[in-house]
Amino acid sequence: MTLPPTPVLSIRSTWAVVKSPLLRVREEPSSQATVLSHVRLGAVMEVLTRADKEQTVENESAYWYRIDYQGLKGWVFGSYIEVFDSRSKADKFSSTLK
């Protein structure tokens, strides 16, 4: 028997791991936007949303992602993070970077 899809099951958190030495977290999804903070290599953060179109920054094309890192909310550029569909996968990848 297959269960019908329910809204509760389809809401899945997406997680990201920083794969650059120091990642800028910005106020807006733009490389010109104010830098709110920096997050270190291997940090695991929750992805809240993704910008609707790709941009090119320093010859890399990627999406901007709005993230929540320990209460810090801001935008990070996708070429500097690795995105996962579960916290456990993100934690596992993070542990390989340290």
N, C-alpha and C. Protein backbone atom coordinates (compact mmCIF):
# COMPACT_ATOMS: atom_id res chain seq x y z
N MET A 1 0.84 -1.19 0.00
CA MET A 1 0.00 0.00 0.00
C MET A 1 0.89 1.25 0.00
N THR A 2 0.57 2.19 -0.89
CA THR A 2 1.32 3.44 -0.88
C THR A 2 0.47 4.53 -0.26
N LEU A 3 1.10 5.31 0.56
CA LEU A 3 0.40 6.41 1.22
C LEU A 3 0.38 7.63 0.32
N PRO A 4 -0.70 8.40 0.36
CA PRO A 4 -0.73 9.63 -0.43
C PRO A 4 0.31 10.61 0.12
N PRO A 5 0.86 11.43 -0.76
CA PRO A 5 1.83 12.41 -0.26
C PRO A 5 1.16 13.41 0.67
N THR A 6 1.82 13.71 1.75
CA THR A 6 1.28 14.71 2.68
C THR A 6 2.24 15.88 2.74
N PRO A 7 1.72 17.07 2.99
CA PRO A 7 2.58 18.25 3.05
C PRO A 7 3.71 18.09 4.07
N VAL A 8 3.42 17.40 5.17
CA VAL A 8 4.42 17.24 6.22
C VAL A 8 5.65 16.49 5.70
N LEU A 9 5.43 15.45 4.93
CA LEU A 9 6.54 14.65 4.44
C LEU A 9 7.35 15.36 3.36
N SER A 10 6.70 16.23 2.61
CA SER A 10 7.40 16.86 1.49
C SER A 10 8.26 18.05 1.92
N ILE A 11 8.06 18.52 3.15
CA ILE A 11 8.89 19.62 3.63
C ILE A 11 10.17 19.04 4.18
N ARG A 12 11.23 19.12 3.38
CA ARG A 12 12.50 18.54 3.79
C ARG A 12 13.50 19.67 3.94
N SER A 13 14.26 19.58 4.99
CA SER A 13 15.32 20.58 5.15
C SER A 13 16.45 20.27 4.19
N THR A 14 17.05 21.30 3.70
CA THR A 14 18.24 21.17 2.89
C THR A 14 19.39 21.74 3.70
N TRP A 15 20.52 21.09 3.64
CA TRP A 15 21.68 21.49 4.42
C TRP A 15 22.84 21.76 3.49
N ALA A 16 23.75 22.60 3.92
CA ALA A 16 24.92 22.91 3.11
C ALA A 16 26.16 22.91 3.98
N VAL A 17 27.28 22.58 3.34
CA VAL A 17 28.57 22.58 4.02
C VAL A 17 29.51 23.53 3.27
N VAL A 18 30.19 24.37 4.02
CA VAL A 18 31.14 25.31 3.43
C VAL A 18 32.37 24.54 2.94
N LYS A 19 32.71 24.73 1.65
CA LYS A 19 33.88 24.04 1.11
C LYS A 19 34.98 25.00 0.68
N SER A 20 34.90 26.25 1.09
CA SER A 20 35.99 27.19 0.87
C SER A 20 36.55 27.58 2.24
N PRO A 21 37.80 28.04 2.30
CA PRO A 21 38.41 28.34 3.61
C PRO A 21 37.61 29.33 4.44
N LEU A 22 37.06 30.35 3.82
CA LEU A 22 36.28 31.34 4.55
C LEU A 22 35.18 31.86 3.63
N LEU A 23 33.95 31.64 4.01
CA LEU A 23 32.81 31.99 3.16
C LEU A 23 32.14 33.27 3.67
N ARG A 24 31.93 34.22 2.76
CA ARG A 24 31.23 35.45 3.13
C ARG A 24 29.72 35.20 3.15
N VAL A 25 29.08 35.65 4.22
CA VAL A 25 27.62 35.62 4.32
C VAL A 25 27.16 37.05 4.09
N ARG A 26 26.33 37.24 3.06
CA ARG A 26 25.94 38.60 2.66
C ARG A 26 24.48 38.91 2.97
N GLU A 27 24.21 40.21 3.03
CA GLU A 27 22.87 40.70 3.34
C GLU A 27 21.87 40.40 2.22
N GLU A 28 22.33 40.48 0.98
CA GLU A 28 21.49 40.27 -0.20
C GLU A 28 22.19 39.29 -1.13
N PRO A 29 21.46 38.66 -2.08
CA PRO A 29 22.09 37.73 -3.01
C PRO A 29 22.85 38.45 -4.13
N SER A 30 23.94 39.11 -3.75
CA SER A 30 24.76 39.86 -4.69
C SER A 30 26.18 39.95 -4.14
N SER A 31 27.16 39.87 -5.05
CA SER A 31 28.56 39.98 -4.61
C SER A 31 28.90 41.41 -4.19
N GLN A 32 28.01 42.35 -4.46
CA GLN A 32 28.22 43.74 -4.03
C GLN A 32 27.58 44.00 -2.66
N ALA A 33 26.80 43.07 -2.16
CA ALA A 33 26.06 43.30 -0.92
C ALA A 33 26.98 43.30 0.30
N THR A 34 26.50 43.93 1.36
CA THR A 34 27.24 44.01 2.62
C THR A 34 27.54 42.62 3.17
N VAL A 35 28.77 42.43 3.63
CA VAL A 35 29.16 41.16 4.26
C VAL A 35 28.75 41.22 5.73
N LEU A 36 27.90 40.28 6.14
CA LEU A 36 27.42 40.24 7.52
C LEU A 36 28.41 39.51 8.42
N SER A 37 29.00 38.44 7.87
CA SER A 37 29.89 37.61 8.67
C SER A 37 30.66 36.68 7.75
N HIS A 38 31.55 35.89 8.34
CA HIS A 38 32.28 34.86 7.60
C HIS A 38 32.05 33.51 8.29
N VAL A 39 31.96 32.47 7.49
CA VAL A 39 31.78 31.13 8.03
C VAL A 39 32.94 30.27 7.54
N ARG A 40 33.47 29.45 8.43
CA ARG A 40 34.67 28.67 8.12
C ARG A 40 34.40 27.37 7.37
N LEU A 41 35.46 26.87 6.77
CA LEU A 41 35.45 25.59 6.07
C LEU A 41 34.84 24.50 6.96
N GLY A 42 33.93 23.71 6.38
CA GLY A 42 33.35 22.59 7.11
C GLY A 42 32.12 22.92 7.92
N ALA A 43 31.76 24.21 8.01
CA ALA A 43 30.57 24.60 8.78
C ALA A 43 29.32 24.03 8.11
N VAL A 44 28.41 23.52 8.92
CA VAL A 44 27.14 22.98 8.42
C VAL A 44 26.05 24.01 8.70
N MET A 45 25.28 24.34 7.66
CA MET A 45 24.23 25.33 7.84
C MET A 45 22.96 24.90 7.11
N GLU A 46 21.83 25.40 7.58
CA GLU A 46 20.56 25.07 6.96
C GLU A 46 20.29 26.01 5.79
N VAL A 47 19.81 25.45 4.69
CA VAL A 47 19.45 26.26 3.53
C VAL A 47 17.97 26.60 3.64
N LEU A 48 17.66 27.89 3.62
CA LEU A 48 16.28 28.35 3.76
C LEU A 48 15.61 28.48 2.40
N THR A 49 16.34 29.02 1.43
CA THR A 49 15.78 29.20 0.10
C THR A 49 16.92 29.39 -0.89
N ARG A 50 16.55 29.35 -2.18
CA ARG A 50 17.55 29.53 -3.23
C ARG A 50 17.05 30.63 -4.16
N ALA A 51 17.96 31.47 -4.62
CA ALA A 51 17.58 32.51 -5.58
C ALA A 51 17.02 31.85 -6.85
N ASP A 52 16.19 32.56 -7.58
CA ASP A 52 15.50 31.92 -8.71
C ASP A 52 16.35 31.78 -9.97
N LYS A 53 17.47 32.51 -10.05
CA LYS A 53 18.31 32.31 -11.23
C LYS A 53 19.79 32.34 -10.87
N GLU A 54 20.57 31.68 -11.71
CA GLU A 54 22.01 31.62 -11.47
C GLU A 54 22.67 32.95 -11.77
N GLN A 55 23.77 33.20 -11.08
CA GLN A 55 24.61 34.36 -11.36
C GLN A 55 26.04 33.87 -11.56
N THR A 56 26.85 34.73 -12.13
CA THR A 56 28.26 34.39 -12.28
C THR A 56 29.09 35.31 -11.39
N VAL A 57 29.89 34.68 -10.52
CA VAL A 57 30.77 35.42 -9.63
C VAL A 57 32.16 34.80 -9.78
N GLU A 58 33.16 35.63 -10.10
CA GLU A 58 34.53 35.15 -10.28
C GLU A 58 34.58 33.93 -11.21
N ASN A 59 33.91 34.05 -12.35
CA ASN A 59 33.87 33.02 -13.39
C ASN A 59 33.18 31.71 -12.99
N GLU A 60 32.48 31.72 -11.88
CA GLU A 60 31.73 30.55 -11.44
C GLU A 60 30.24 30.88 -11.53
N SER A 61 29.48 29.98 -12.17
CA SER A 61 28.03 30.17 -12.22
C SER A 61 27.37 29.30 -11.16
N ALA A 62 26.51 29.90 -10.37
CA ALA A 62 25.81 29.16 -9.32
C ALA A 62 24.63 29.99 -8.83
N TYR A 63 23.83 29.36 -7.99
CA TYR A 63 22.73 30.07 -7.35
C TYR A 63 23.22 30.69 -6.04
N TRP A 64 22.54 31.72 -5.62
CA TRP A 64 22.71 32.25 -4.26
C TRP A 64 21.75 31.47 -3.35
N TYR A 65 22.20 31.16 -2.16
CA TYR A 65 21.38 30.43 -1.18
C TYR A 65 21.24 31.27 0.07
N ARG A 66 20.00 31.35 0.58
CA ARG A 66 19.78 32.01 1.88
C ARG A 66 19.93 30.93 2.95
N ILE A 67 20.80 31.19 3.89
CA ILE A 67 21.13 30.16 4.88
C ILE A 67 20.89 30.67 6.30
N ASP A 68 20.82 29.71 7.20
CA ASP A 68 20.75 30.00 8.63
C ASP A 68 21.88 29.22 9.29
N TYR A 69 22.86 29.95 9.79
CA TYR A 69 23.98 29.31 10.46
C TYR A 69 24.01 29.77 11.91
N GLN A 70 23.56 28.91 12.82
CA GLN A 70 23.52 29.23 14.25
C GLN A 70 22.83 30.57 14.51
N GLY A 71 21.72 30.80 13.81
CA GLY A 71 20.96 32.02 14.02
C GLY A 71 21.33 33.17 13.09
N LEU A 72 22.49 33.05 12.43
CA LEU A 72 22.90 34.06 11.45
C LEU A 72 22.20 33.73 10.12
N LYS A 73 21.41 34.67 9.62
CA LYS A 73 20.74 34.46 8.34
C LYS A 73 21.32 35.40 7.29
N GLY A 74 21.60 34.86 6.12
CA GLY A 74 22.15 35.68 5.06
C GLY A 74 22.29 34.85 3.79
N TRP A 75 22.94 35.42 2.80
CA TRP A 75 23.07 34.79 1.49
C TRP A 75 24.51 34.36 1.24
N VAL A 76 24.68 33.16 0.67
CA VAL A 76 26.01 32.66 0.31
C VAL A 76 25.97 32.20 -1.15
N PHE A 77 27.12 32.27 -1.80
CA PHE A 77 27.18 31.89 -3.21
C PHE A 77 27.41 30.38 -3.33
N GLY A 78 26.63 29.76 -4.21
CA GLY A 78 26.58 28.30 -4.29
C GLY A 78 27.86 27.59 -4.67
N SER A 79 28.77 28.27 -5.35
CA SER A 79 29.98 27.55 -5.77
C SER A 79 30.92 27.27 -4.59
N TYR A 80 30.64 27.89 -3.44
CA TYR A 80 31.50 27.71 -2.27
C TYR A 80 30.90 26.76 -1.24
N ILE A 81 29.75 26.18 -1.57
CA ILE A 81 29.12 25.25 -0.64
C ILE A 81 28.75 23.95 -1.36
N GLU A 82 28.56 22.91 -0.58
CA GLU A 82 28.06 21.64 -1.08
C GLU A 82 26.70 21.44 -0.42
N VAL A 83 25.67 21.16 -1.23
CA VAL A 83 24.30 21.08 -0.71
C VAL A 83 23.87 19.62 -0.56
N PHE A 84 23.21 19.32 0.55
CA PHE A 84 22.76 17.95 0.85
C PHE A 84 21.29 17.96 1.25
N ASP A 85 20.65 16.80 1.09
CA ASP A 85 19.23 16.73 1.44
C ASP A 85 18.99 16.22 2.86
N SER A 86 20.06 16.01 3.61
CA SER A 86 19.87 15.64 5.01
C SER A 86 21.01 16.17 5.86
N ARG A 87 20.72 16.38 7.12
CA ARG A 87 21.72 16.87 8.06
C ARG A 87 22.84 15.84 8.23
N SER A 88 22.46 14.55 8.26
CA SER A 88 23.48 13.53 8.49
C SER A 88 24.48 13.46 7.33
N LYS A 89 24.01 13.62 6.09
CA LYS A 89 24.93 13.64 4.94
C LYS A 89 25.84 14.85 5.01
N ALA A 90 25.27 15.98 5.40
CA ALA A 90 26.07 17.20 5.52
C ALA A 90 27.14 17.05 6.60
N ASP A 91 26.74 16.49 7.75
CA ASP A 91 27.70 16.27 8.84
C ASP A 91 28.82 15.34 8.40
N LYS A 92 28.46 14.30 7.65
CA LYS A 92 29.46 13.33 7.20
C LYS A 92 30.47 14.00 6.26
N PHE A 93 29.96 14.80 5.32
CA PHE A 93 30.85 15.51 4.38
C PHE A 93 31.73 16.50 5.14
N SER A 94 31.15 17.19 6.09
CA SER A 94 31.87 18.17 6.89
C SER A 94 33.05 17.51 7.60
N SER A 95 32.85 16.33 8.12
CA SER A 95 33.91 15.65 8.88
C SER A 95 35.09 15.26 7.98
N THR A 96 34.86 15.13 6.69
CA THR A 96 35.96 14.80 5.76
C THR A 96 36.81 16.02 5.44
N LEU A 97 36.31 17.21 5.73
CA LEU A 97 37.02 18.45 5.37
C LEU A 97 37.98 18.91 6.47
N LYS A 98 37.72 18.45 7.67
CA LYS A 98 38.49 18.98 8.82
C LYS A 98 39.81 18.25 8.99
